[in-house]
Amino acid sequence: MGGGAGRVMTGLVRVLVVCAVLAAGLVATTAAAAPGAQEAATPAGITISGLDLHDGMILQADGAYLLYGTMYGCGFAWGVASPWCGFGVSRATSPAGPWSAPTRLFAPTSVSPFRGAVWQTICGDSGAGCFNPRMVHRTGWGADDGAWILWFNAPDDFARSRANAYYSMEFDLGVKKTDTGTSRTRATASRSSTSNA
């Protein structure tokens, strides 16, 4: 074949490839829109009421559902000095419940190992609170030891010193681990002392 015929054949092959790709896309789109095609199921929402646990999360572990949240029932009021109620956890075998009464994760009177002040001072006295408890399973990262880590924020730390206002504590699914079986908090701070100035 001459140079002109080769270019025509190359062009024809390109057109056939484009047509095949378009046809495959049309078949896939038609199949997905066909009646009876399976769609991803959207989980039904649930309402959990009657628990003093807010701005937290639910996780499933060891056959139970665990709801973690901030407690307000002791009288905490945002923006004014008030009691800080702490974080709690409630347990159920189904997301629909019944849920157990919340159990406090640590006492507001216990001492922060990072700052050396009681949590009431950090979270209540300023009125800034401590919020957004999140439980994260340490598998596949960090120490990779299967421990549960509670992450939360303490906005007063940022307002006071411009420090990163996040803390982390190691837990055993809601029961705080201790070094020697005492009530000492094993906690590490996930904070920086950098300034935003």
Protein backbone atom coordinates (compact mmCIF):
# COMPACT_ATOMS: atom_id res chain seq x y z
CA MET A 1 0.00 0.00 0.00
CA GLY A 2 1.07 3.48 -0.70
CA GLY A 3 1.38 6.30 1.84
CA GLY A 4 -2.13 7.63 1.09
CA ALA A 5 -3.83 4.26 1.49
CA GLY A 6 -2.01 3.65 4.80
CA ARG A 7 -3.27 6.94 6.17
CA VAL A 8 -6.82 6.07 5.12
CA MET A 9 -6.58 2.66 6.85
CA THR A 10 -5.15 4.25 10.02
CA GLY A 11 -7.98 6.79 10.00
CA LEU A 12 -10.56 4.05 9.46
CA VAL A 13 -9.16 2.01 12.37
CA ARG A 14 -9.34 5.09 14.62
CA VAL A 15 -12.96 5.72 13.64
CA LEU A 16 -13.84 2.07 14.35
CA VAL A 17 -12.18 2.21 17.78
CA VAL A 18 -14.07 5.41 18.69
CA CYS A 19 -17.36 3.84 17.51
CA ALA A 20 -16.69 0.70 19.57
CA VAL A 21 -15.98 2.76 22.71
CA LEU A 22 -19.15 4.82 22.22
CA ALA A 23 -21.23 1.68 21.62
CA ALA A 24 -19.86 0.06 24.80
CA GLY A 25 -20.74 3.18 26.78
CA LEU A 26 -24.25 3.22 25.33
CA VAL A 27 -24.79 -0.46 26.22
CA ALA A 28 -23.54 0.11 29.80
CA THR A 29 -25.75 3.20 30.25
CA THR A 30 -28.81 1.43 28.87
CA ALA A 31 -28.25 -1.61 31.11
CA ALA A 32 -27.93 0.56 34.22
CA ALA A 33 -31.15 2.40 33.41
CA ALA A 34 -33.08 -0.75 32.56
CA PRO A 35 -36.07 -1.64 34.74
CA GLY A 36 -35.14 -4.15 37.40
CA ALA A 37 -31.51 -3.03 37.51
CA GLN A 38 -30.21 -3.16 41.06
CA GLU A 39 -29.56 0.17 42.74
CA ALA A 40 -27.43 0.75 45.81
CA ALA A 41 -29.63 0.56 48.89
CA THR A 42 -29.86 3.74 50.92
CA PRO A 43 -29.85 2.96 54.62
CA ALA A 44 -32.93 4.09 56.48
CA GLY A 45 -32.47 6.86 59.01
CA ILE A 46 -33.16 6.36 62.70
CA THR A 47 -33.97 8.75 65.51
CA ILE A 48 -32.39 8.20 68.89
CA SER A 49 -34.07 10.16 71.65
CA GLY A 50 -33.87 10.34 75.41
CA LEU A 51 -30.06 10.22 75.66
CA ASP A 52 -27.86 13.07 76.87
CA LEU A 53 -25.23 12.45 74.16
CA HIS A 54 -24.72 15.08 71.48
CA ASP A 55 -22.38 16.03 68.59
CA GLY A 56 -20.72 12.60 68.62
CA MET A 57 -20.78 9.41 66.61
CA ILE A 58 -21.97 5.80 66.46
CA LEU A 59 -19.64 2.89 65.77
CA GLN A 60 -20.15 -0.85 65.66
CA ALA A 61 -17.65 -3.12 67.40
CA ASP A 62 -17.75 -6.56 68.99
CA GLY A 63 -21.43 -7.07 68.15
CA ALA A 64 -22.59 -3.84 69.80
CA TYR A 65 -23.38 -0.32 68.68
CA LEU A 66 -21.68 2.41 70.71
CA LEU A 67 -22.95 5.99 70.72
CA TYR A 68 -20.39 8.54 71.90
CA GLY A 69 -21.29 12.15 72.60
CA THR A 70 -20.97 15.29 74.70
CA MET A 71 -23.17 15.39 77.80
CA TYR A 72 -25.07 18.60 78.68
CA GLY A 73 -27.55 17.51 81.37
CA CYS A 74 -25.49 18.72 84.36
CA GLY A 75 -26.04 22.35 83.36
CA PHE A 76 -23.34 23.17 80.79
CA ALA A 77 -24.10 26.41 78.93
CA TRP A 78 -21.94 27.50 76.03
CA GLY A 79 -20.27 30.89 76.32
CA VAL A 80 -20.55 31.25 80.10
CA ALA A 81 -18.69 29.62 82.98
CA SER A 82 -20.70 26.52 83.86
CA PRO A 83 -20.23 22.88 84.83
CA TRP A 84 -18.75 20.74 82.08
CA CYS A 85 -20.59 17.41 82.01
CA GLY A 86 -18.03 15.38 80.05
CA PHE A 87 -18.27 12.79 77.30
CA GLY A 88 -20.33 9.64 77.54
CA VAL A 89 -21.04 6.37 75.77
CA SER A 90 -24.23 4.37 75.44
CA ARG A 91 -24.52 0.77 74.15
CA ALA A 92 -27.17 -1.11 72.13
CA THR A 93 -27.41 -4.31 70.10
CA SER A 94 -29.25 -2.49 67.29
CA PRO A 95 -29.16 1.13 66.10
CA ALA A 96 -32.89 1.27 66.89
CA GLY A 97 -32.10 0.47 70.56
CA PRO A 98 -32.84 0.08 73.31
CA TRP A 99 -29.80 2.13 74.37
CA SER A 100 -28.20 1.86 77.81
CA ALA A 101 -27.97 4.86 80.10
CA PRO A 102 -24.88 6.91 79.17
CA THR A 103 -21.68 6.17 81.07
CA ARG A 104 -19.17 8.99 81.50
CA LEU A 105 -15.82 8.29 79.79
CA PHE A 106 -13.76 10.25 82.34
CA ALA A 107 -14.56 12.61 85.17
CA PRO A 108 -14.56 16.37 84.55
CA THR A 109 -12.49 16.59 87.76
CA SER A 110 -9.69 14.38 86.36
CA VAL A 111 -6.48 16.12 85.28
CA SER A 112 -5.39 16.62 81.69
CA PRO A 113 -1.90 15.10 81.46
CA PHE A 114 -0.98 17.57 78.74
CA ARG A 115 -2.05 20.82 80.35
CA GLY A 116 -2.01 19.83 84.03
CA ALA A 117 -5.43 21.34 84.69
CA VAL A 118 -8.70 19.57 85.42
CA TRP A 119 -11.05 19.17 82.47
CA GLN A 120 -13.61 21.39 84.22
CA THR A 121 -11.13 24.27 83.98
CA ILE A 122 -10.34 23.54 80.33
CA CYS A 123 -13.88 22.79 79.16
CA GLY A 124 -16.27 24.52 81.58
CA ASP A 125 -14.82 27.50 83.41
CA SER A 126 -14.18 29.46 80.21
CA GLY A 127 -17.56 28.54 78.74
CA ALA A 128 -15.79 27.36 75.58
CA GLY A 129 -16.63 23.70 76.23
CA CYS A 130 -15.11 20.54 74.81
CA PHE A 131 -16.93 19.00 71.85
CA ASN A 132 -17.07 16.52 68.98
CA PRO A 133 -15.87 13.29 70.58
CA ARG A 134 -14.74 10.85 67.90
CA MET A 135 -13.56 7.31 68.60
CA VAL A 136 -10.97 6.04 66.11
CA HIS A 137 -9.65 2.48 65.91
CA ARG A 138 -5.86 2.41 65.67
CA THR A 139 -5.36 -0.39 63.16
CA GLY A 140 -3.17 -0.09 60.10
CA TRP A 141 -1.56 3.15 61.32
CA GLY A 142 0.50 4.48 64.24
CA ALA A 143 1.25 1.81 66.83
CA ASP A 144 -1.16 -0.53 64.95
CA ASP A 145 -2.15 -2.07 68.28
CA GLY A 146 -5.94 -2.12 67.92
CA ALA A 147 -6.43 0.51 70.64
CA TRP A 148 -9.37 2.91 70.49
CA ILE A 149 -8.46 6.61 70.51
CA LEU A 150 -10.89 9.32 71.64
CA TRP A 151 -10.29 12.57 69.73
CA PHE A 152 -12.03 15.80 70.77
CA ASN A 153 -11.57 19.55 70.69
CA ALA A 154 -11.10 22.05 73.51
CA PRO A 155 -11.58 25.50 71.94
CA ASP A 156 -10.31 27.38 75.02
CA ASP A 157 -6.78 26.11 74.34
CA PHE A 158 -6.75 27.92 71.01
CA ALA A 159 -8.30 31.08 72.49
CA ARG A 160 -5.85 31.05 75.43
CA SER A 161 -2.57 30.16 73.73
CA ARG A 162 -3.23 29.74 70.00
CA ALA A 163 -2.36 26.06 70.44
CA ASN A 164 -4.01 23.35 68.38
CA ALA A 165 -7.12 22.64 70.45
CA TYR A 166 -7.38 18.88 69.89
CA TYR A 167 -6.74 16.10 72.37
CA SER A 168 -6.56 12.33 72.10
CA MET A 169 -6.91 9.65 74.76
CA GLU A 170 -6.53 5.89 74.52
CA PHE A 171 -9.61 3.89 75.52
CA ASP A 172 -10.84 0.33 75.48
CA LEU A 173 -14.27 0.75 73.81
CA GLY A 174 -15.49 3.23 76.34
CA VAL A 175 -13.66 1.89 79.38
CA LYS A 176 -10.57 3.97 79.90
CA LYS A 177 -7.31 2.02 79.92
CA THR A 178 -4.98 2.72 82.79
CA ASP A 179 -1.30 2.08 83.34
CA THR A 180 -1.68 0.30 86.66
CA GLY A 181 -5.40 -0.19 87.16
CA THR A 182 -5.74 3.17 88.92
CA SER A 183 -7.88 6.04 87.68
CA ARG A 184 -4.97 7.87 86.05
CA THR A 185 -5.76 9.00 82.52
CA ARG A 186 -3.51 7.66 79.79
CA ALA A 187 -3.67 10.48 77.33
CA THR A 188 -1.53 11.95 74.65
CA ALA A 189 -2.04 15.36 73.21
CA SER A 190 -2.37 15.74 69.49
CA ARG A 191 -1.51 19.39 69.61
CA SER A 192 0.96 21.85 68.26
CA SER A 193 2.18 25.02 69.86
CA THR A 194 2.34 26.92 66.60
CA SER A 195 0.79 30.34 66.46
CA ASN A 196 -1.55 31.65 63.78
CA ALA A 197 0.00 35.11 64.09
